[in-house]
Amino acid sequence: QVQLVESGGGLVQPGGSLRLSCEASGNIHSGYIMGWYRQAPGKQREFVARITGDGGISSADYVRFTISRDNAKNTVYLQMNSLKPEDTAVYLCNAYYTFYSHWGQGTQVTVSS
């Protein structure tokens, strides 16, 4: 099993920045694709960014969101800049490998003045 714990969410003003962290434990290895998704109230979960073990990146917003990972620490990060009110959501970490997909509990990000 793999456990994922997100942190770093909070309240930020429009235009501000946040850095989310997701620490993985258990049967985790660099073969896992690590990703971030988000879900706003009343909306479907949507993809934010993901990163492979060797650093390959896909992102919904390459300008504002930067994903990175530290395999030695089993941690993935999401740097979010120029935040907008529509970025308000619960941000969830995902670890995916072949048939296995694990989710964290999420961390709330609220962008408001």
N, C-alpha and C. Protein backbone atom coordinates (compact mmCIF):
# COMPACT_ATOMS: atom_id res chain seq x y z
N GLN A 1 0.83 -1.20 0.00
CA GLN A 1 0.00 0.00 0.00
C GLN A 1 0.86 1.25 0.00
N VAL A 2 0.26 2.32 -0.49
CA VAL A 2 0.93 3.62 -0.53
C VAL A 2 0.05 4.62 0.20
N GLN A 3 0.66 5.41 1.05
CA GLN A 3 -0.05 6.47 1.75
C GLN A 3 0.48 7.82 1.26
N LEU A 4 -0.43 8.74 1.06
CA LEU A 4 -0.08 10.07 0.57
C LEU A 4 -0.64 11.12 1.53
N VAL A 5 0.20 12.06 1.93
CA VAL A 5 -0.23 13.12 2.82
C VAL A 5 0.13 14.46 2.21
N GLU A 6 -0.90 15.25 1.92
CA GLU A 6 -0.69 16.57 1.33
C GLU A 6 -0.59 17.64 2.43
N SER A 7 0.11 18.69 2.11
CA SER A 7 0.20 19.84 3.02
C SER A 7 0.49 21.09 2.20
N GLY A 8 0.35 22.24 2.85
CA GLY A 8 0.72 23.50 2.21
C GLY A 8 -0.43 24.34 1.72
N GLY A 9 -1.64 23.83 1.82
CA GLY A 9 -2.79 24.62 1.39
C GLY A 9 -3.08 25.75 2.36
N GLY A 10 -4.02 26.58 1.99
CA GLY A 10 -4.40 27.69 2.85
C GLY A 10 -5.13 28.75 2.09
N LEU A 11 -5.25 29.89 2.74
CA LEU A 11 -5.92 31.06 2.16
C LEU A 11 -4.87 32.00 1.60
N VAL A 12 -5.07 32.40 0.37
CA VAL A 12 -4.12 33.31 -0.28
C VAL A 12 -4.89 34.32 -1.10
N GLN A 13 -4.34 35.51 -1.22
CA GLN A 13 -4.99 36.54 -2.02
C GLN A 13 -4.75 36.31 -3.51
N PRO A 14 -5.65 36.80 -4.34
CA PRO A 14 -5.41 36.69 -5.80
C PRO A 14 -4.05 37.27 -6.16
N GLY A 15 -3.35 36.55 -7.03
CA GLY A 15 -2.01 36.95 -7.42
C GLY A 15 -0.92 36.35 -6.56
N GLY A 16 -1.30 35.72 -5.47
CA GLY A 16 -0.33 35.15 -4.55
C GLY A 16 0.16 33.78 -4.98
N SER A 17 0.99 33.19 -4.13
CA SER A 17 1.60 31.89 -4.44
C SER A 17 1.44 30.94 -3.26
N LEU A 18 1.44 29.67 -3.59
CA LEU A 18 1.46 28.62 -2.59
C LEU A 18 2.31 27.48 -3.12
N ARG A 19 2.91 26.74 -2.19
CA ARG A 19 3.65 25.54 -2.56
C ARG A 19 3.05 24.37 -1.80
N LEU A 20 2.49 23.44 -2.54
CA LEU A 20 1.92 22.24 -1.95
C LEU A 20 2.96 21.13 -1.92
N SER A 21 2.85 20.29 -0.91
CA SER A 21 3.73 19.13 -0.80
C SER A 21 2.89 17.88 -0.64
N CYS A 22 3.40 16.79 -1.13
CA CYS A 22 2.75 15.48 -0.97
C CYS A 22 3.84 14.48 -0.62
N GLU A 23 3.77 13.98 0.59
CA GLU A 23 4.75 13.00 1.04
C GLU A 23 4.16 11.60 0.93
N ALA A 24 4.87 10.73 0.27
CA ALA A 24 4.42 9.36 0.08
C ALA A 24 5.17 8.42 1.01
N SER A 25 4.49 7.41 1.47
CA SER A 25 5.11 6.39 2.29
C SER A 25 4.52 5.03 1.92
N GLY A 26 5.16 3.99 2.43
CA GLY A 26 4.71 2.65 2.10
C GLY A 26 5.48 2.10 0.92
N ASN A 27 4.81 1.37 0.07
CA ASN A 27 5.43 0.68 -1.05
C ASN A 27 5.55 1.61 -2.26
N ILE A 28 6.24 2.72 -2.06
CA ILE A 28 6.39 3.72 -3.12
C ILE A 28 7.77 3.57 -3.74
N HIS A 29 7.87 3.84 -5.03
CA HIS A 29 9.15 3.83 -5.71
C HIS A 29 9.10 4.80 -6.87
N SER A 30 10.23 5.01 -7.50
CA SER A 30 10.32 6.04 -8.53
C SER A 30 9.56 5.69 -9.80
N GLY A 31 9.08 4.47 -9.90
CA GLY A 31 8.27 4.10 -11.06
C GLY A 31 6.88 4.70 -11.04
N TYR A 32 6.48 5.17 -9.88
CA TYR A 32 5.16 5.79 -9.77
C TYR A 32 5.14 7.14 -10.48
N ILE A 33 4.09 7.38 -11.22
CA ILE A 33 3.80 8.72 -11.73
C ILE A 33 3.06 9.46 -10.63
N MET A 34 3.57 10.61 -10.24
CA MET A 34 2.96 11.41 -9.17
C MET A 34 2.23 12.59 -9.80
N GLY A 35 1.05 12.83 -9.31
CA GLY A 35 0.27 13.91 -9.90
C GLY A 35 -0.54 14.69 -8.90
N TRP A 36 -1.00 15.83 -9.37
CA TRP A 36 -1.91 16.68 -8.60
C TRP A 36 -3.20 16.85 -9.39
N TYR A 37 -4.29 16.74 -8.69
CA TYR A 37 -5.62 17.00 -9.23
C TYR A 37 -6.31 17.97 -8.28
N ARG A 38 -7.43 18.53 -8.74
CA ARG A 38 -8.19 19.40 -7.85
C ARG A 38 -9.67 19.20 -8.08
N GLN A 39 -10.41 19.50 -7.03
CA GLN A 39 -11.86 19.39 -7.12
C GLN A 39 -12.50 20.54 -6.37
N ALA A 40 -13.25 21.32 -7.10
CA ALA A 40 -13.98 22.44 -6.52
C ALA A 40 -15.40 21.98 -6.20
N PRO A 41 -16.07 22.65 -5.26
CA PRO A 41 -17.44 22.25 -4.90
C PRO A 41 -18.35 22.23 -6.12
N GLY A 42 -19.04 21.11 -6.29
CA GLY A 42 -20.00 21.00 -7.38
C GLY A 42 -19.39 20.74 -8.74
N LYS A 43 -18.06 20.54 -8.77
CA LYS A 43 -17.40 20.31 -10.05
C LYS A 43 -16.69 18.96 -10.04
N GLN A 44 -16.38 18.48 -11.23
CA GLN A 44 -15.66 17.23 -11.33
C GLN A 44 -14.18 17.44 -11.02
N ARG A 45 -13.56 16.36 -10.59
CA ARG A 45 -12.12 16.40 -10.35
C ARG A 45 -11.39 16.67 -11.66
N GLU A 46 -10.39 17.53 -11.62
CA GLU A 46 -9.67 17.84 -12.84
C GLU A 46 -8.16 17.74 -12.65
N PHE A 47 -7.50 17.43 -13.72
CA PHE A 47 -6.06 17.26 -13.74
C PHE A 47 -5.36 18.60 -13.59
N VAL A 48 -4.28 18.62 -12.80
CA VAL A 48 -3.47 19.83 -12.65
C VAL A 48 -2.09 19.62 -13.26
N ALA A 49 -1.38 18.59 -12.79
CA ALA A 49 -0.03 18.32 -13.30
C ALA A 49 0.40 16.94 -12.84
N ARG A 50 1.35 16.35 -13.57
CA ARG A 50 1.92 15.08 -13.15
C ARG A 50 3.38 15.02 -13.58
N ILE A 51 4.12 14.14 -12.90
CA ILE A 51 5.54 14.01 -13.18
C ILE A 51 5.95 12.56 -13.04
N THR A 52 6.75 12.09 -14.00
CA THR A 52 7.23 10.73 -13.96
C THR A 52 8.48 10.65 -13.08
N GLY A 53 8.92 9.43 -12.84
CA GLY A 53 10.08 9.25 -11.99
C GLY A 53 11.35 9.85 -12.54
N ASP A 54 11.44 9.95 -13.86
CA ASP A 54 12.64 10.54 -14.47
C ASP A 54 12.42 12.00 -14.87
N GLY A 55 11.34 12.61 -14.36
CA GLY A 55 11.17 14.05 -14.51
C GLY A 55 10.32 14.51 -15.68
N GLY A 56 9.68 13.60 -16.38
CA GLY A 56 8.79 14.02 -17.46
C GLY A 56 7.54 14.67 -16.91
N ILE A 57 7.17 15.81 -17.46
CA ILE A 57 6.10 16.62 -16.88
C ILE A 57 4.97 16.85 -17.87
N SER A 58 3.75 16.77 -17.36
CA SER A 58 2.57 17.23 -18.06
C SER A 58 1.86 18.19 -17.12
N SER A 59 1.28 19.25 -17.68
CA SER A 59 0.63 20.25 -16.83
C SER A 59 -0.54 20.87 -17.54
N ALA A 60 -1.54 21.24 -16.77
CA ALA A 60 -2.68 21.96 -17.31
C ALA A 60 -2.35 23.43 -17.49
N ASP A 61 -1.29 23.91 -16.81
CA ASP A 61 -0.91 25.32 -16.89
C ASP A 61 0.59 25.42 -16.63
N TYR A 62 1.36 25.36 -17.72
CA TYR A 62 2.82 25.37 -17.58
C TYR A 62 3.35 26.72 -17.10
N VAL A 63 2.58 27.76 -17.25
CA VAL A 63 3.05 29.09 -16.86
C VAL A 63 2.92 29.29 -15.36
N ARG A 64 1.80 28.92 -14.78
CA ARG A 64 1.55 29.24 -13.39
C ARG A 64 1.88 28.10 -12.43
N PHE A 65 1.79 26.85 -12.90
CA PHE A 65 1.96 25.70 -12.01
C PHE A 65 3.24 24.93 -12.37
N THR A 66 4.06 24.68 -11.37
CA THR A 66 5.29 23.92 -11.58
C THR A 66 5.31 22.73 -10.64
N ILE A 67 5.42 21.54 -11.23
CA ILE A 67 5.49 20.32 -10.44
C ILE A 67 6.93 19.84 -10.39
N SER A 68 7.30 19.29 -9.25
CA SER A 68 8.64 18.72 -9.10
C SER A 68 8.56 17.58 -8.10
N ARG A 69 9.61 16.77 -8.06
CA ARG A 69 9.61 15.66 -7.11
C ARG A 69 11.02 15.42 -6.62
N ASP A 70 11.09 14.92 -5.40
CA ASP A 70 12.35 14.52 -4.79
C ASP A 70 12.21 13.04 -4.47
N ASN A 71 12.77 12.19 -5.31
CA ASN A 71 12.61 10.76 -5.13
C ASN A 71 13.25 10.28 -3.83
N ALA A 72 14.31 10.93 -3.40
CA ALA A 72 14.97 10.53 -2.15
C ALA A 72 14.07 10.77 -0.95
N LYS A 73 13.22 11.78 -1.04
CA LYS A 73 12.30 12.11 0.05
C LYS A 73 10.90 11.58 -0.20
N ASN A 74 10.70 10.93 -1.34
CA ASN A 74 9.36 10.44 -1.70
C ASN A 74 8.32 11.56 -1.62
N THR A 75 8.68 12.71 -2.12
CA THR A 75 7.83 13.88 -2.01
C THR A 75 7.68 14.55 -3.37
N VAL A 76 6.47 14.98 -3.66
CA VAL A 76 6.19 15.74 -4.87
C VAL A 76 5.66 17.10 -4.45
N TYR A 77 6.02 18.11 -5.22
CA TYR A 77 5.65 19.49 -4.90
C TYR A 77 4.86 20.10 -6.05
N LEU A 78 4.04 21.06 -5.69
CA LEU A 78 3.34 21.85 -6.70
C LEU A 78 3.48 23.32 -6.32
N GLN A 79 4.26 24.04 -7.09
CA GLN A 79 4.41 25.47 -6.91
C GLN A 79 3.35 26.18 -7.75
N MET A 80 2.52 26.96 -7.10
CA MET A 80 1.44 27.65 -7.79
C MET A 80 1.63 29.15 -7.64
N ASN A 81 1.71 29.83 -8.75
CA ASN A 81 1.91 31.28 -8.78
C ASN A 81 0.73 31.97 -9.46
N SER A 82 0.64 33.26 -9.24
CA SER A 82 -0.42 34.07 -9.87
C SER A 82 -1.79 33.42 -9.68
N LEU A 83 -2.07 33.06 -8.46
CA LEU A 83 -3.31 32.34 -8.18
C LEU A 83 -4.53 33.21 -8.42
N LYS A 84 -5.59 32.55 -8.88
CA LYS A 84 -6.85 33.21 -9.19
C LYS A 84 -7.96 32.62 -8.33
N PRO A 85 -9.04 33.35 -8.13
CA PRO A 85 -10.15 32.78 -7.35
C PRO A 85 -10.65 31.44 -7.90
N GLU A 86 -10.59 31.28 -9.21
CA GLU A 86 -11.06 30.02 -9.79
C GLU A 86 -10.12 28.84 -9.52
N ASP A 87 -8.97 29.11 -8.92
CA ASP A 87 -8.09 28.02 -8.50
C ASP A 87 -8.52 27.43 -7.15
N THR A 88 -9.50 28.04 -6.52
CA THR A 88 -9.99 27.54 -5.25
C THR A 88 -10.54 26.13 -5.41
N ALA A 89 -10.01 25.21 -4.61
CA ALA A 89 -10.40 23.80 -4.70
C ALA A 89 -9.66 23.01 -3.63
N VAL A 90 -10.06 21.77 -3.48
CA VAL A 90 -9.26 20.81 -2.73
C VAL A 90 -8.26 20.20 -3.71
N TYR A 91 -7.00 20.26 -3.36
CA TYR A 91 -5.95 19.72 -4.22
C TYR A 91 -5.53 18.35 -3.68
N LEU A 92 -5.59 17.37 -4.57
CA LEU A 92 -5.34 15.99 -4.18
C LEU A 92 -4.11 15.45 -4.89
N CYS A 93 -3.35 14.71 -4.14
CA CYS A 93 -2.16 14.05 -4.67
C CYS A 93 -2.52 12.65 -5.13
N ASN A 94 -1.91 12.22 -6.22
CA ASN A 94 -2.15 10.88 -6.76
C ASN A 94 -0.83 10.21 -7.10
N ALA A 95 -0.77 8.92 -6.81
CA ALA A 95 0.37 8.10 -7.20
C ALA A 95 -0.15 6.96 -8.05
N TYR A 96 0.40 6.84 -9.26
CA TYR A 96 -0.12 5.86 -10.22
C TYR A 96 1.02 5.01 -10.76
N TYR A 97 0.76 3.68 -10.77
CA TYR A 97 1.75 2.74 -11.32
C TYR A 97 1.02 1.52 -11.81
N THR A 98 1.10 1.22 -13.06
CA THR A 98 0.41 0.11 -13.72
C THR A 98 -1.06 0.08 -13.31
N PHE A 99 -1.45 -0.90 -12.50
CA PHE A 99 -2.85 -1.03 -12.11
C PHE A 99 -3.18 -0.33 -10.79
N TYR A 100 -2.23 0.31 -10.21
CA TYR A 100 -2.40 0.89 -8.88
C TYR A 100 -2.54 2.41 -8.95
N SER A 101 -3.55 2.92 -8.25
CA SER A 101 -3.77 4.35 -8.16
C SER A 101 -4.14 4.69 -6.73
N HIS A 102 -3.37 5.56 -6.12
CA HIS A 102 -3.59 5.92 -4.73
C HIS A 102 -3.85 7.42 -4.63
N TRP A 103 -4.69 7.79 -3.68
CA TRP A 103 -5.06 9.20 -3.48
C TRP A 103 -4.82 9.62 -2.04
N GLY A 104 -4.44 10.87 -1.89
CA GLY A 104 -4.38 11.46 -0.57
C GLY A 104 -5.73 12.04 -0.20
N GLN A 105 -5.79 12.63 0.99
CA GLN A 105 -7.04 13.21 1.48
C GLN A 105 -7.28 14.60 0.93
N GLY A 106 -6.23 15.24 0.47
CA GLY A 106 -6.37 16.57 -0.11
C GLY A 106 -6.02 17.69 0.84
N THR A 107 -5.72 18.83 0.26
CA THR A 107 -5.46 20.05 1.03
C THR A 107 -6.23 21.19 0.38
N GLN A 108 -6.88 21.99 1.20
CA GLN A 108 -7.74 23.04 0.69
C GLN A 108 -6.92 24.26 0.29
N VAL A 109 -7.18 24.75 -0.89
CA VAL A 109 -6.60 26.02 -1.37
C VAL A 109 -7.75 26.98 -1.63
N THR A 110 -7.69 28.12 -0.97
CA THR A 110 -8.72 29.14 -1.16
C THR A 110 -8.05 30.43 -1.59
N VAL A 111 -8.48 30.93 -2.73
CA VAL A 111 -7.93 32.18 -3.27
C VAL A 111 -9.02 33.24 -3.17
N SER A 112 -8.81 34.19 -2.29
CA SER A 112 -9.84 35.19 -2.04
C SER A 112 -9.21 36.43 -1.41
N SER A 113 -9.81 37.56 -1.72
CA SER A 113 -9.37 38.80 -1.09
C SER A 113 -10.20 39.11 0.15
